[in-house]
Every structure is written in structure tokens, then in C-alpha cells.
Amino acid sequence: GLKLWESMQEEDGLEPDAYTLTALINTAKQDGSPRAVASAFRLFTEVAPAARTVRMYATMIAALGQGGFAYEAEGLVQDAETAGLRPDVSVYGAALQAVSRSGARDAGERMRALHARMLAAGIADTEVTLKAMASLLDS
């Protein structure tokens, strides 16, 4: 899907709308390979922040986590806020899962900080966020 889109972009000069880009990012997430995720991230960064949606951020964060790019995933939470969006539980849940999967030494500390930001923003836990936080107990 991503290769086809990239060739259409080059040949026809097409620019993705929010729905198309979110679908392309989801395709990369499903693929899960670092290469596919990196291609999707490149497309994502080419879109003006004002044109991005909360759903697009959540999907990109989940894809980055799937591809092993936890730090980038985590950074997109702040990026969404900087772009004037209010990250929701899907954004925080995807970021928590990405950091949880990373296996990084500081994952627990980073997850606790993300979780505290989520709660401070008035966003309640869901099964996804609680499951991600529970993974700290397993490590």
C-alpha cells in the first residue's frame, strides 16, 4: 500500500488527506516492519501539523511502537499538544504500549510520567492503559 501511494505521489503529485494518510499509517502498523513504519513516519512528517488529527497521531504512535520506535512514539504526544490538539486516551494508550514494548531500562519511569500526564489532563484509564501499566509489574 505504501509503495503504491509513494509512486502515485511521485507520478501524479497527489497529497494524502487525513483519512488516506491515517489508512496508510495503519497499513504500516499492520505490516509492523521498521521499514514500513519509517516510510509511514516520513509521510506523516511531510503533512503540516495543522492538517493532522488526533486519530492520525494515535495511529502513528501505535505504528511507531509496533516498529520499535518507542522514543519517537512518545515524542509525538508532545508534538500533538504543540500542534494545538488535545491528546486523548487512544494517543496515551498507544504511547504507553509503545514504551512498554521497548524493553528500555527507563521504560517504567517513562510510562509513569506519560500516565501521570494523561491523568493530569483529566483522561481516565481504560483497559488498554491499565494493561500497559500492569506490564510494569511483570518486569
Protein backbone atom coordinates (compact mmCIF):
# COMPACT_ATOMS: atom_id res chain seq x y z
CA GLY A 1 0.00 0.00 0.00
CA LEU A 2 2.73 2.46 0.94
CA LYS A 3 4.81 1.75 -2.16
CA LEU A 4 1.77 2.28 -4.39
CA TRP A 5 0.97 5.56 -2.66
CA GLU A 6 4.55 6.78 -2.91
CA SER A 7 4.61 6.05 -6.64
CA MET A 8 1.29 7.87 -7.08
CA GLN A 9 2.71 10.82 -5.17
CA GLU A 10 5.79 10.95 -7.37
CA GLU A 11 3.99 10.43 -10.66
CA ASP A 12 0.78 12.37 -10.07
CA GLY A 13 1.75 14.76 -7.29
CA LEU A 14 -1.06 13.52 -5.05
CA GLU A 15 -1.16 14.64 -1.45
CA PRO A 16 -2.96 12.49 1.12
CA ASP A 17 -5.89 13.84 3.09
CA ALA A 18 -6.23 12.96 6.78
CA TYR A 19 -8.27 9.81 6.11
CA THR A 20 -5.93 8.48 3.43
CA LEU A 21 -2.84 9.15 5.50
CA THR A 22 -4.35 7.52 8.58
CA ALA A 23 -5.20 4.43 6.48
CA LEU A 24 -1.66 4.33 5.07
CA ILE A 25 -0.19 4.60 8.57
CA ASN A 26 -2.47 1.80 9.72
CA THR A 27 -1.22 -0.34 6.83
CA ALA A 28 2.35 0.21 8.03
CA LYS A 29 1.28 -0.63 11.58
CA GLN A 30 -0.24 -3.89 10.40
CA ASP A 31 2.95 -4.69 8.49
CA GLY A 32 4.95 -3.88 11.62
CA SER A 33 8.32 -3.84 9.91
CA PRO A 34 10.65 -0.99 10.80
CA ARG A 35 10.95 -0.14 7.10
CA ALA A 36 7.18 0.20 6.57
CA VAL A 37 6.78 2.20 9.76
CA ALA A 38 9.68 4.50 8.84
CA SER A 39 8.06 5.13 5.43
CA ALA A 40 4.76 5.98 7.08
CA PHE A 41 6.51 8.26 9.55
CA ARG A 42 8.19 10.08 6.68
CA LEU A 43 4.75 10.67 5.08
CA PHE A 44 3.37 11.79 8.45
CA THR A 45 6.14 14.34 8.96
CA GLU A 46 5.55 15.77 5.48
CA VAL A 47 1.99 16.73 6.44
CA ALA A 48 1.59 20.12 8.08
CA PRO A 49 0.86 19.76 11.82
CA ALA A 50 -2.37 21.76 11.37
CA ALA A 51 -3.66 19.08 8.98
CA ARG A 52 -3.07 16.21 11.43
CA THR A 53 -5.85 14.78 13.57
CA VAL A 54 -5.84 13.13 16.99
CA ARG A 55 -6.74 9.83 15.29
CA MET A 56 -3.79 10.23 12.91
CA TYR A 57 -1.45 10.83 15.85
CA ALA A 58 -2.80 7.80 17.73
CA THR A 59 -2.36 5.60 14.66
CA MET A 60 1.17 6.89 14.00
CA ILE A 61 2.16 6.40 17.65
CA ALA A 62 0.82 2.82 17.56
CA ALA A 63 2.69 2.13 14.32
CA LEU A 64 5.92 3.53 15.73
CA GLY A 65 5.53 1.32 18.78
CA GLN A 66 4.90 -1.70 16.57
CA GLY A 67 8.01 -0.90 14.54
CA GLY A 68 10.23 -0.48 17.58
CA PHE A 69 10.45 3.33 17.60
CA ALA A 70 9.31 3.97 21.17
CA TYR A 71 11.11 7.29 21.69
CA GLU A 72 9.61 8.71 18.51
CA ALA A 73 6.17 7.44 19.54
CA GLU A 74 6.48 9.06 22.93
CA GLY A 75 7.62 12.34 21.39
CA LEU A 76 4.50 12.54 19.24
CA VAL A 77 2.34 13.03 22.34
CA GLN A 78 4.12 16.33 22.96
CA ASP A 79 4.06 17.07 19.22
CA ALA A 80 0.26 16.73 19.19
CA GLU A 81 -0.03 19.17 22.10
CA THR A 82 2.33 21.60 20.39
CA ALA A 83 0.16 21.37 17.26
CA GLY A 84 -2.82 22.52 19.34
CA LEU A 85 -4.51 19.14 19.68
CA ARG A 86 -5.66 17.57 22.92
CA PRO A 87 -4.31 14.00 23.01
CA ASP A 88 -6.98 11.54 24.07
CA VAL A 89 -6.84 8.11 25.68
CA SER A 90 -6.06 6.47 22.33
CA VAL A 91 -2.94 8.63 21.97
CA TYR A 92 -1.78 7.96 25.52
CA GLY A 93 -2.68 4.27 25.31
CA ALA A 94 -0.66 3.85 22.11
CA ALA A 95 2.30 5.70 23.65
CA LEU A 96 2.17 3.63 26.83
CA GLN A 97 2.09 0.42 24.79
CA ALA A 98 4.98 1.59 22.62
CA VAL A 99 7.17 2.35 25.63
CA SER A 100 6.10 -0.88 27.32
CA ARG A 101 7.16 -2.94 24.30
CA SER A 102 10.51 -1.18 24.02
CA GLY A 103 12.19 -3.06 26.83
CA ALA A 104 14.26 0.05 27.56
CA ARG A 105 15.80 0.34 31.00
CA ASP A 106 13.94 3.55 31.67
CA ALA A 107 10.61 2.30 30.30
CA GLY A 108 8.93 2.19 33.70
CA GLU A 109 9.92 5.75 34.53
CA ARG A 110 8.79 7.00 31.12
CA MET A 111 5.49 5.14 31.37
CA ARG A 112 4.77 6.53 34.83
CA ALA A 113 5.44 10.06 33.51
CA LEU A 114 3.16 9.53 30.49
CA HIS A 115 0.45 8.06 32.70
CA ALA A 116 0.69 10.98 35.14
CA ARG A 117 0.37 13.46 32.23
CA MET A 118 -2.69 11.57 30.98
CA LEU A 119 -4.38 11.65 34.39
CA ALA A 120 -3.42 15.32 34.91
CA ALA A 121 -5.14 16.10 31.60
CA GLY A 122 -8.34 14.62 33.04
CA ILE A 123 -8.22 11.48 30.90
CA ALA A 124 -9.46 8.36 32.67
CA ASP A 125 -7.79 4.99 32.41
CA THR A 126 -9.15 2.35 30.08
CA GLU A 127 -8.42 -1.34 29.81
CA VAL A 128 -5.61 -0.53 27.35
CA THR A 129 -3.86 1.96 29.61
CA LEU A 130 -4.28 -0.21 32.68
CA LYS A 131 -2.92 -3.24 30.84
CA ALA A 132 0.11 -1.24 29.70
CA MET A 133 0.74 -0.01 33.25
CA ALA A 134 0.27 -3.54 34.63
CA SER A 135 3.10 -4.66 32.34
CA LEU A 136 5.41 -2.76 34.72
CA LEU A 137 4.61 -5.34 37.37
CA ASP A 138 5.83 -8.13 35.08
CA SER A 139 9.25 -6.55 34.61
